[in-house]
């Protein structure tokens, strides 16, 4: 959530940022500022009344001590009138603060100055590319055919058990899932990330803290009886570990990683572009999260980008890194780099990771702060990234490493999978 003082002092900067993010209701800024002006004026009046009540209360005691009861009673009536007015002001202040908050949470985070203008994925900037595109035989198969050939996955069985978009992995396919999760977690912990195993459902406060609410209600599965939400990513519970916490500056950066299943409704996702594992409603993902000193968060973002890039290199996959344009960024992000891997059989790029800096947008909502050397509390910056999401990684591993003998397992993954080949 954006701090109100930022709107007051940098209105034009905010409006420019909202334009870059293609926000449709820039008039909210003026409404929020107008409400804040009313709130501040009432707060001044309330403070003045409180001072008058305090002063009168002292005078009443002095008048009573002098035996001037009549004057004391008159002053008591005056104090009573002041208090009645103060109660009315307090009620109005509460209404204004609620209205201001409800509008503030509708504003997205401000994009970093390096974020390009644009509205669609076609406007994203390619930062760099890596890896080698495989030279496959003419009879190359897409991953859904490979999964059927080697009995790795059954999409129809998932539809029977739950519904479309819930794949069932079988045998070597299930082992490949487990191997990737363990490899990713070990890779992250060796880089200094502490592993967590968080709950896979969260309450509304947690979803609000990371920006899923009120922006993405329609994308989450809601357990209505208890008011819980199935998590769309481990970022949500992991970042909330530090909600309402003050961290000592010497403890920074805080680096966390977690595996979780992820649940996304993806309403309206149909057609050839979402076939197989290209888009599913439940999938496994390993996440990395950092809480960083504000002066070092973009250095941390760069480190996280290189961290994910090395993973893709170890899996022998062709990839490209994109700087997202304003219109393709998430609600909460200040700067996002997407990783896409080339699907050799489908001949298209598939997103497998997003690495983002949210600056203080999430930490302001969650009140995640650090205590600096002077003893003052300041908001931290939060960052997160997929390291990695499994479905499209599996799709590309199967397609890009297919041979006449079977599917080759990258050397880095072989100790976890227990074999060099799926056959």
Protein backbone atom coordinates (compact mmCIF):
# COMPACT_ATOMS: atom_id res chain seq x y z
CA UNK A 1 0.00 0.00 0.00
CA UNK A 2 1.28 3.45 -0.89
CA UNK A 3 1.92 5.82 2.05
CA UNK A 4 -0.55 8.71 2.13
CA UNK A 5 2.29 11.23 2.55
CA UNK A 6 3.64 10.11 -0.85
CA UNK A 7 0.35 11.10 -2.48
CA UNK A 8 0.35 14.46 -0.70
CA UNK A 9 3.90 15.39 -1.60
CA UNK A 10 4.37 13.67 -4.99
CA UNK A 11 0.98 13.70 -6.64
CA UNK A 12 2.32 14.16 -10.19
CA UNK A 13 4.83 11.34 -9.71
CA UNK A 14 2.02 9.07 -8.53
CA UNK A 15 -0.18 9.95 -11.51
CA UNK A 16 2.69 9.26 -13.91
CA UNK A 17 3.30 5.89 -12.24
CA UNK A 18 -0.39 5.00 -12.49
CA UNK A 19 -0.30 5.93 -16.17
CA UNK A 20 2.69 3.64 -16.72
CA UNK A 21 0.76 0.80 -15.04
CA UNK A 22 -2.32 1.60 -17.16
CA UNK A 23 -4.43 2.14 -14.05
CA UNK A 24 -8.00 3.01 -15.03
CA UNK A 25 -9.03 5.18 -12.06
CA UNK A 26 -6.41 7.93 -11.56
CA UNK A 27 -9.15 10.16 -10.13
CA UNK A 28 -8.84 8.11 -6.92
CA UNK A 29 -5.70 10.09 -6.10
CA UNK A 30 -7.60 13.39 -5.84
CA UNK A 31 -10.37 11.70 -3.84
CA UNK A 32 -7.86 10.25 -1.38
CA UNK A 33 -6.08 13.59 -0.97
CA UNK A 34 -9.41 15.40 -0.43
CA UNK A 35 -10.41 12.90 2.25
CA UNK A 36 -7.01 13.25 3.86
CA UNK A 37 -7.35 17.03 4.00
CA UNK A 38 -10.69 16.64 5.77
CA UNK A 39 -9.20 14.09 8.12
CA UNK A 40 -6.23 16.28 9.00
CA UNK A 41 -8.42 19.33 9.59
CA UNK A 42 -10.68 17.33 11.90
CA UNK A 43 -7.65 15.92 13.69
CA UNK A 44 -6.42 19.47 14.39
CA UNK A 45 -9.86 20.40 15.72
CA UNK A 46 -9.93 17.25 17.83
CA UNK A 47 -6.47 18.03 19.27
CA UNK A 48 -7.60 21.59 20.07
CA UNK A 49 -10.66 20.30 21.92
CA UNK A 50 -8.54 17.76 23.82
CA UNK A 51 -6.20 20.54 24.94
CA UNK A 52 -9.18 22.66 26.03
CA UNK A 53 -10.63 19.75 28.03
CA UNK A 54 -7.30 19.13 29.76
CA UNK A 55 -6.92 22.80 30.63
CA UNK A 56 -10.51 23.09 31.88
CA UNK A 57 -10.16 19.93 33.98
CA UNK A 58 -7.22 21.47 35.81
CA UNK A 59 -9.15 24.70 36.36
CA UNK A 60 -12.15 22.81 37.75
CA UNK A 61 -9.98 21.30 40.44
CA UNK A 62 -8.56 24.68 41.36
CA UNK A 63 -12.03 26.30 41.46
CA UNK A 64 -13.37 23.54 43.69
CA UNK A 65 -10.40 23.97 46.00
CA UNK A 66 -11.24 27.65 46.29
CA UNK A 67 -14.89 26.91 47.00
CA UNK A 68 -16.06 28.49 43.74
CA UNK A 69 -18.53 25.70 43.09
CA UNK A 70 -20.82 27.62 40.73
CA UNK A 71 -17.98 28.48 38.36
CA UNK A 72 -16.68 24.93 38.58
CA UNK A 73 -20.07 23.52 37.61
CA UNK A 74 -20.28 25.90 34.65
CA UNK A 75 -16.87 24.76 33.51
CA UNK A 76 -17.93 21.11 33.93
CA UNK A 77 -20.83 21.76 31.55
CA UNK A 78 -18.39 23.31 29.10
CA UNK A 79 -16.12 20.26 29.34
CA UNK A 80 -19.11 17.97 28.80
CA UNK A 81 -20.02 19.89 25.63
CA UNK A 82 -16.42 19.64 24.43
CA UNK A 83 -16.40 15.89 25.02
CA UNK A 84 -19.66 15.43 23.15
CA UNK A 85 -18.23 17.32 20.19
CA UNK A 86 -15.01 15.28 20.43
CA UNK A 87 -17.01 12.04 20.25
CA UNK A 88 -18.76 13.23 17.11
CA UNK A 89 -15.39 14.20 15.58
CA UNK A 90 -13.89 10.83 16.53
CA UNK A 91 -16.76 9.04 14.80
CA UNK A 92 -16.27 11.15 11.68
CA UNK A 93 -12.50 10.60 11.79
CA UNK A 94 -13.10 6.85 11.88
CA UNK A 95 -15.36 7.09 8.84
CA UNK A 96 -12.81 9.16 6.92
CA UNK A 97 -9.90 6.86 7.84
CA UNK A 98 -11.88 3.83 6.67
CA UNK A 99 -12.84 5.53 3.40
CA UNK A 100 -9.25 6.65 2.83
CA UNK A 101 -7.88 3.16 3.53
CA UNK A 102 -10.45 1.50 1.25
CA UNK A 103 -9.34 3.75 -1.60
CA UNK A 104 -5.61 3.48 -0.89
CA UNK A 105 -5.67 -0.31 -1.19
CA UNK A 106 -7.05 0.04 -4.72
CA UNK A 107 -3.92 1.85 -5.92
CA UNK A 108 -1.16 -0.37 -7.36
CA UNK A 109 2.49 -0.01 -6.44
CA UNK A 110 4.54 2.61 -8.23
CA UNK A 111 6.76 1.19 -11.00
CA UNK A 112 10.51 1.69 -10.82
CA UNK A 113 11.88 4.32 -13.21
CA UNK A 114 13.46 1.57 -15.34
CA UNK A 115 10.07 -0.03 -16.08
CA UNK A 116 9.17 0.50 -19.76
CA UNK A 117 5.81 1.85 -20.89
CA UNK A 118 3.53 -0.69 -22.49
CA UNK A 119 0.25 -2.58 -22.15
CA UNK A 120 0.86 -6.16 -23.29
CA UNK A 121 3.58 -8.86 -23.08
CA UNK A 122 4.71 -7.79 -26.54
CA UNK A 123 5.92 -4.52 -24.96
CA UNK A 124 8.26 -6.27 -22.49
CA UNK A 125 12.01 -5.79 -22.97
CA UNK A 126 14.37 -8.72 -23.51
CA UNK A 127 17.28 -8.18 -21.10
CA UNK A 128 19.37 -11.19 -22.13
CA UNK A 129 19.17 -14.73 -23.46
CA UNK A 130 21.04 -17.94 -22.69
CA UNK A 131 21.24 -21.63 -23.39
CA UNK A 132 21.10 -23.52 -26.66
CA UNK A 133 18.06 -24.54 -28.67
CA UNK A 134 18.05 -28.31 -29.23
CA UNK A 135 18.11 -29.72 -32.74
CA UNK A 136 15.25 -32.20 -32.51
CA UNK A 137 14.14 -34.73 -35.06
CA UNK A 138 11.23 -33.88 -37.32
CA UNK A 139 8.97 -36.24 -35.33
CA UNK A 140 9.43 -34.26 -32.11
CA UNK A 141 6.56 -34.66 -29.66
CA UNK A 142 4.92 -32.09 -27.35
CA UNK A 143 5.10 -32.86 -23.65
CA UNK A 144 1.52 -34.17 -23.41
CA UNK A 145 2.31 -36.84 -26.00
CA UNK A 146 5.61 -37.66 -24.30
CA UNK A 147 3.82 -37.93 -20.96
CA UNK A 148 1.41 -40.42 -22.50
CA UNK A 149 4.19 -42.37 -24.24
CA UNK A 150 6.17 -42.89 -21.02
CA UNK A 151 3.13 -42.95 -18.67
CA UNK A 152 4.28 -39.86 -16.74
CA UNK A 153 1.01 -37.98 -16.36
CA UNK A 154 -2.73 -38.45 -16.80
CA UNK A 155 -4.81 -35.32 -17.38
CA UNK A 156 -8.08 -37.20 -17.87
CA UNK A 157 -7.66 -38.94 -14.54
CA UNK A 158 -7.22 -35.54 -12.88
CA UNK A 159 -10.43 -34.36 -14.56
CA UNK A 160 -12.24 -37.40 -13.20
CA UNK A 161 -10.96 -36.87 -9.65
CA UNK A 162 -11.29 -33.07 -9.51
CA UNK A 163 -11.72 -31.25 -12.81
CA UNK A 164 -9.83 -29.87 -15.78
CA UNK A 165 -6.43 -28.41 -14.90
CA UNK A 166 -5.56 -30.86 -12.11
CA UNK A 167 -2.98 -33.31 -13.55
CA UNK A 168 -2.07 -36.62 -11.93
CA UNK A 169 1.63 -37.52 -12.15
CA UNK A 170 2.50 -41.21 -12.27
CA UNK A 171 5.65 -43.29 -11.75
CA UNK A 172 8.66 -41.57 -13.29
CA UNK A 173 6.58 -38.42 -13.74
CA UNK A 174 5.89 -38.25 -9.99
CA UNK A 175 9.56 -38.98 -9.28
CA UNK A 176 10.58 -36.15 -11.62
CA UNK A 177 8.33 -33.76 -9.68
CA UNK A 178 9.90 -34.83 -6.39
CA UNK A 179 13.42 -34.64 -7.84
CA UNK A 180 12.90 -31.07 -9.06
CA UNK A 181 11.44 -29.92 -5.73
CA UNK A 182 14.34 -31.39 -3.75
CA UNK A 183 16.92 -30.04 -6.19
CA UNK A 184 15.45 -26.53 -6.10
CA UNK A 185 15.20 -26.48 -2.29
CA UNK A 186 18.77 -27.70 -1.83
CA UNK A 187 20.04 -25.21 -4.40
CA UNK A 188 18.29 -22.40 -2.50
CA UNK A 189 19.41 -23.45 0.99
CA UNK A 190 23.01 -23.77 -0.22
CA UNK A 191 22.72 -20.11 -1.29
CA UNK A 192 21.77 -19.06 2.26
CA UNK A 193 17.98 -19.28 2.16
CA UNK A 194 16.31 -20.78 5.23
CA UNK A 195 13.75 -23.44 4.34
CA UNK A 196 10.19 -23.20 5.66
CA UNK A 197 7.21 -25.50 5.28
CA UNK A 198 4.26 -23.08 5.60
CA UNK A 199 0.49 -23.66 5.68
CA UNK A 200 -1.10 -24.01 2.26
CA UNK A 201 -4.15 -21.97 3.28
CA UNK A 202 -4.08 -18.41 4.63
CA UNK A 203 -6.51 -16.01 6.23
CA UNK A 204 -7.69 -12.77 4.65
CA UNK A 205 -5.12 -10.67 6.57
CA UNK A 206 -2.27 -12.67 5.01
CA UNK A 207 -3.76 -12.43 1.50
CA UNK A 208 -4.24 -8.70 2.00
CA UNK A 209 -0.67 -8.27 3.24
CA UNK A 210 0.97 -9.50 0.03
CA UNK A 211 -1.53 -7.76 -2.26
CA UNK A 212 -3.71 -10.69 -3.35
CA UNK A 213 -6.64 -8.94 -1.68
CA UNK A 214 -8.49 -6.92 -2.77
CA UNK A 215 -6.89 -7.26 -6.23
CA UNK A 216 -7.09 -10.98 -7.05
CA UNK A 217 -10.12 -12.44 -5.28
CA UNK A 218 -11.32 -14.07 -8.49
CA UNK A 219 -8.05 -15.94 -8.99
CA UNK A 220 -8.02 -17.64 -5.58
CA UNK A 221 -9.95 -20.61 -4.28
CA UNK A 222 -11.90 -19.48 -1.22
CA UNK A 223 -12.86 -21.80 1.64
CA UNK A 224 -15.98 -19.86 2.49
CA UNK A 225 -16.96 -21.56 5.77
CA UNK A 226 -13.66 -20.69 7.47
CA UNK A 227 -12.76 -17.65 5.37
CA UNK A 228 -9.43 -19.17 4.30
CA UNK A 229 -7.80 -18.94 0.86
CA UNK A 230 -5.79 -21.67 -0.85
CA UNK A 231 -2.45 -20.07 -1.61
CA UNK A 232 -1.59 -19.04 -5.18
CA UNK A 233 2.12 -19.07 -4.22
CA UNK A 234 4.27 -19.73 -1.15
CA UNK A 235 5.15 -16.03 -1.22
CA UNK A 236 1.91 -15.34 0.67
CA UNK A 237 2.45 -17.40 3.85
CA UNK A 238 6.24 -17.01 3.85
CA UNK A 239 6.27 -13.21 3.67
CA UNK A 240 3.57 -13.09 6.35
CA UNK A 241 5.88 -14.91 8.76
CA UNK A 242 7.28 -11.46 9.52
CA UNK A 243 3.97 -9.57 9.58
CA UNK A 244 3.90 -7.08 12.53
CA UNK A 245 7.57 -7.78 13.25
CA UNK A 246 10.52 -5.47 13.86
CA UNK A 247 13.82 -6.94 12.60
CA UNK A 248 17.20 -5.79 13.83
CA UNK A 249 19.32 -4.23 11.08
CA UNK A 250 22.10 -6.74 11.81
CA UNK A 251 19.72 -9.60 10.87
CA UNK A 252 19.30 -8.37 7.29
CA UNK A 253 18.83 -9.65 4.71
CA UNK A 254 16.22 -12.22 5.71
CA UNK A 255 16.29 -14.99 3.07
CA UNK A 256 13.56 -17.66 2.99
CA UNK A 257 12.59 -20.48 0.68
CA UNK A 258 9.63 -22.86 0.65
CA UNK A 259 7.98 -25.52 -1.46
CA UNK A 260 4.21 -25.49 -1.80
CA UNK A 261 1.42 -26.60 -4.07
CA UNK A 262 -0.15 -23.53 -5.65
CA UNK A 263 -3.82 -23.07 -6.50
CA UNK A 264 -5.06 -20.65 -9.16
CA UNK A 265 -8.53 -20.59 -10.64
CA UNK A 266 -7.34 -19.13 -13.98
CA UNK A 267 -10.96 -18.59 -14.99
CA UNK A 268 -11.53 -18.55 -18.74
CA UNK A 269 -8.29 -20.40 -19.58
CA UNK A 270 -9.05 -22.56 -22.61
CA UNK A 271 -7.59 -23.46 -26.00
CA UNK A 272 -4.32 -24.68 -27.46
CA UNK A 273 -2.15 -22.20 -25.51
CA UNK A 274 -3.13 -23.85 -22.21
CA UNK A 275 -2.90 -27.48 -23.33
CA UNK A 276 -1.11 -30.02 -21.16
CA UNK A 277 0.97 -28.34 -18.45
CA UNK A 278 1.00 -24.91 -20.06
CA UNK A 279 -1.62 -23.70 -17.58
CA UNK A 280 -3.12 -25.69 -14.73
CA UNK A 281 -5.14 -24.91 -11.60
CA UNK A 282 -2.85 -26.77 -9.18
CA UNK A 283 0.91 -26.97 -9.53
CA UNK A 284 4.06 -27.27 -7.44
CA UNK A 285 6.53 -24.43 -7.01
CA UNK A 286 9.57 -23.55 -4.93
CA UNK A 287 9.74 -19.90 -3.91
CA UNK A 288 12.46 -17.58 -2.65
CA UNK A 289 11.63 -14.50 -0.55
CA UNK A 290 13.88 -11.76 0.79
CA UNK A 291 13.35 -8.94 3.27
CA UNK A 292 16.00 -6.37 2.48
CA UNK A 293 17.37 -3.06 3.69
CA UNK A 294 15.84 -0.41 1.37
CA UNK A 295 19.29 0.75 0.23
CA UNK A 296 20.23 -2.78 -0.85
CA UNK A 297 17.01 -4.20 -2.30
CA UNK A 298 17.89 -3.67 -5.96
CA UNK A 299 21.23 -5.34 -5.38
CA UNK A 300 19.27 -8.21 -3.82
CA UNK A 301 16.96 -8.28 -6.86
CA UNK A 302 19.94 -8.62 -9.18
CA UNK A 303 21.33 -11.47 -7.05
CA UNK A 304 17.96 -13.26 -7.18
CA UNK A 305 17.83 -12.91 -10.97
CA UNK A 306 21.30 -14.47 -11.30
CA UNK A 307 20.28 -17.19 -8.82
CA UNK A 308 17.30 -18.25 -10.97
CA UNK A 309 19.30 -17.89 -14.18
CA UNK A 310 21.91 -20.35 -12.92
CA UNK A 311 19.16 -22.89 -12.21
CA UNK A 312 18.01 -22.76 -15.84
CA UNK A 313 21.58 -23.09 -17.03
CA UNK A 314 22.00 -26.20 -14.84
CA UNK A 315 18.87 -27.70 -16.44
CA UNK A 316 20.32 -27.12 -19.94
CA UNK A 317 17.33 -25.08 -21.09
CA UNK A 318 17.27 -22.17 -23.52
CA UNK A 319 15.89 -19.11 -21.72
CA UNK A 320 15.37 -15.40 -21.97
CA UNK A 321 14.95 -12.75 -19.27
CA UNK A 322 12.35 -10.01 -19.75
CA UNK A 323 11.89 -6.70 -17.97
CA UNK A 324 8.13 -6.36 -17.72
CA UNK A 325 6.41 -3.24 -18.99
CA UNK A 326 4.04 -1.32 -16.74
CA UNK A 327 0.90 -2.90 -18.15
CA UNK A 328 2.15 -6.47 -17.70
CA UNK A 329 3.37 -6.11 -14.11
CA UNK A 330 1.57 -7.34 -11.04
CA UNK A 331 -0.46 -5.01 -8.83
CA UNK A 332 2.15 -5.03 -6.03
CA UNK A 333 5.42 -5.02 -7.99
CA UNK A 334 7.79 -2.11 -8.49
CA UNK A 335 10.05 -4.01 -10.91
CA UNK A 336 9.69 -7.55 -12.29
CA UNK A 337 11.91 -9.77 -14.40
CA UNK A 338 10.22 -12.75 -16.05
CA UNK A 339 12.08 -15.87 -17.13
CA UNK A 340 10.83 -17.73 -20.17
CA UNK A 341 12.05 -21.09 -21.43
CA UNK A 342 11.80 -22.16 -25.06
CA UNK A 343 9.50 -25.10 -25.65
CA UNK A 344 11.18 -26.87 -28.57
CA UNK A 345 8.24 -29.06 -29.59
CA UNK A 346 5.60 -26.34 -29.28
CA UNK A 347 8.04 -23.77 -30.69
CA UNK A 348 7.03 -21.08 -28.23
CA UNK A 349 8.28 -19.38 -25.07
CA UNK A 350 6.79 -20.39 -21.71
CA UNK A 351 7.08 -18.33 -18.53
CA UNK A 352 8.66 -20.29 -15.67
CA UNK A 353 9.58 -17.60 -13.12
CA UNK A 354 8.97 -14.02 -12.05
CA UNK A 355 11.43 -12.21 -9.79
CA UNK A 356 10.13 -8.97 -8.28
CA UNK A 357 10.97 -6.13 -5.92
CA UNK A 358 7.90 -4.78 -4.12
CA UNK A 359 9.84 -2.10 -2.21
CA UNK A 360 7.62 -1.05 0.76
CA UNK A 361 4.27 -1.88 -0.86
CA UNK A 362 3.80 -5.18 0.97
CA UNK A 363 5.75 -4.30 4.12
CA UNK A 364 3.62 -1.19 4.65
CA UNK A 365 0.52 -3.39 4.63
CA UNK A 366 2.12 -5.97 6.93
CA UNK A 367 4.07 -3.52 9.13
CA UNK A 368 7.36 -5.36 8.55
CA UNK A 369 10.05 -3.02 9.82
CA UNK A 370 13.67 -2.92 10.92
CA UNK A 371 15.32 -0.92 13.67
CA UNK A 372 18.19 1.18 12.36
CA UNK A 373 21.38 2.15 14.18
CA UNK A 374 19.64 5.16 15.73
CA UNK A 375 16.87 3.01 17.18
CA UNK A 376 14.25 4.24 14.68
CA UNK A 377 11.93 1.83 12.90
CA UNK A 378 11.76 1.89 9.09
CA UNK A 379 9.88 -0.21 6.55
CA UNK A 380 11.83 -3.00 4.88
CA UNK A 381 11.69 -3.89 1.19
CA UNK A 382 10.25 -7.29 0.21
CA UNK A 383 11.24 -9.35 -2.83
CA UNK A 384 10.25 -12.75 -4.16
CA UNK A 385 10.84 -15.09 -7.05
CA UNK A 386 9.94 -18.51 -8.42
CA UNK A 387 12.85 -20.87 -8.05
CA UNK A 388 11.18 -22.55 -9.86
CA UNK A 389 7.57 -23.33 -10.93
CA UNK A 390 7.41 -26.96 -12.05
CA UNK A 391 4.74 -27.43 -14.76
CA UNK A 392 6.36 -25.56 -17.63
CA UNK A 393 9.84 -26.60 -16.52
CA UNK A 394 8.71 -30.23 -16.80
CA UNK A 395 7.10 -29.47 -20.17
CA UNK A 396 10.35 -28.03 -21.51
CA UNK A 397 12.56 -30.71 -19.93
CA UNK A 398 10.51 -33.43 -21.64
CA UNK A 399 10.35 -31.68 -24.99
CA UNK A 400 13.87 -30.26 -25.21
CA UNK A 401 15.67 -33.37 -23.97
CA UNK A 402 13.72 -36.02 -25.91
CA UNK A 403 15.76 -38.55 -27.89
CA UNK A 404 15.04 -41.79 -29.70
CA UNK A 405 16.16 -43.69 -26.58
CA UNK A 406 14.14 -41.66 -24.11
CA UNK A 407 14.27 -38.34 -22.27
CA UNK A 408 17.69 -37.30 -20.98
CA UNK A 409 17.86 -36.04 -17.41
CA UNK A 410 20.27 -33.07 -16.92
CA UNK A 411 23.40 -33.99 -14.93
CA UNK A 412 22.51 -31.64 -12.04
CA UNK A 413 19.17 -33.41 -11.59
CA UNK A 414 20.37 -37.00 -11.93
CA UNK A 415 21.35 -37.51 -8.26
CA UNK A 416 17.79 -36.51 -7.27
CA UNK A 417 16.01 -38.46 -10.00
CA UNK A 418 18.20 -41.56 -9.69
CA UNK A 419 18.68 -42.16 -13.39
CA UNK A 420 20.10 -40.59 -16.53
CA UNK A 421 17.09 -41.31 -18.69
CA UNK A 422 13.33 -41.59 -18.72
CA UNK A 423 12.55 -44.56 -20.91
